[in-house]
Protein backbone atom coordinates (compact mmCIF):
# COMPACT_ATOMS: atom_id res chain seq x y z
CA MET A 1 77.56 114.10 60.35
CA PRO A 2 78.17 116.71 63.49
CA PHE A 3 78.04 120.05 60.96
CA PHE A 4 77.22 119.31 57.42
CA ASN A 5 74.63 116.83 55.93
CA GLY A 6 76.09 114.66 53.18
CA LEU A 7 74.89 116.44 50.58
CA GLU A 8 76.58 119.96 51.68
CA THR A 9 79.83 117.87 52.65
CA ALA A 10 80.18 116.92 48.66
CA ARG A 11 79.95 120.16 47.28
CA ARG A 12 82.67 121.65 49.40
CA LEU A 13 84.77 118.46 48.57
CA ARG A 14 83.71 118.91 45.07
CA GLU A 15 85.02 122.45 45.57
CA THR A 16 88.14 121.81 47.58
CA VAL A 17 89.40 117.83 46.51
CA PRO A 18 87.24 118.60 42.71
CA GLN A 19 89.39 114.89 41.76
CA THR A 20 87.58 113.35 44.67
CA LYS A 21 85.27 110.44 43.91
CA ILE A 22 81.69 110.98 45.46
CA ILE A 23 79.54 108.23 46.25
CA VAL A 24 76.28 109.25 48.18
CA LEU A 25 75.25 106.48 50.68
CA THR A 26 71.35 107.36 51.19
CA MET A 27 67.94 105.56 51.94
CA HIS A 28 66.17 107.71 49.66
CA PRO A 29 65.27 106.55 46.28
CA GLU A 30 63.08 109.22 45.14
CA GLU A 31 64.07 111.24 42.49
CA PRO A 32 64.26 115.02 43.86
CA TYR A 33 67.33 113.79 45.98
CA VAL A 34 69.33 112.00 43.40
CA PHE A 35 69.58 115.03 41.57
CA GLU A 36 70.86 117.08 44.27
CA ALA A 37 73.15 114.58 44.73
CA LEU A 38 75.04 114.14 41.75
CA GLN A 39 74.21 117.93 41.39
CA ALA A 40 76.12 118.65 44.08
CA GLY A 41 79.08 116.67 42.87
CA ALA A 42 78.30 112.95 43.17
CA VAL A 43 79.29 110.01 41.13
CA GLY A 44 77.52 108.03 42.41
CA TYR A 45 74.38 107.00 44.47
CA VAL A 46 73.30 104.41 46.15
CA VAL A 47 70.31 103.05 48.19
CA LYS A 48 70.94 101.80 51.22
CA THR A 49 68.85 98.99 50.73
CA GLN A 50 70.61 97.60 47.79
CA ALA A 51 73.94 98.82 49.69
CA ALA A 52 75.33 95.50 50.31
CA ALA A 53 75.19 94.72 47.09
CA ASP A 54 75.54 98.10 45.63
CA ILE A 55 78.29 99.50 46.90
CA VAL A 56 81.11 97.62 45.31
CA GLN A 57 80.02 97.71 42.06
CA ALA A 58 79.58 101.44 42.00
CA ILE A 59 83.73 102.06 44.03
CA HIS A 60 84.76 99.87 40.51
CA THR A 61 82.18 101.88 37.87
CA THR A 62 83.74 105.12 39.78
CA LEU A 63 86.86 104.53 39.26
CA GLN A 64 86.52 104.29 36.32
CA GLY A 65 85.22 107.52 35.36
CA ALA A 66 81.54 106.37 34.84
CA LEU A 67 77.96 107.52 36.77
CA SER A 68 76.87 104.86 39.10
CA VAL A 69 73.46 104.09 40.26
CA SER A 70 71.86 101.76 41.91
CA PRO A 71 69.23 99.73 40.00
CA ARG A 72 66.23 101.19 41.73
CA VAL A 73 67.21 104.59 40.70
CA THR A 74 68.42 104.56 37.43
CA HIS A 75 64.89 106.23 35.92
CA ALA A 76 65.35 108.98 37.95
CA VAL A 77 68.71 109.33 35.64
CA VAL A 78 67.16 108.12 32.64
């Protein structure tokens, strides 16, 4: 992304189009990254190593209005 990183893009999307559901696709399973993404407005957090298994479920879950995180980072949210 040439101008902003993913988290800054999420913040700006939340401000300008608040009804947008943002799912972060990342290589970072560490807690600080999860919290920062959720604070930036993400409603989904999918770790790339599990993306094939988790991304479709994350889309369905967030469209139903729930938070979705990869099982690998669930402990960070709980």
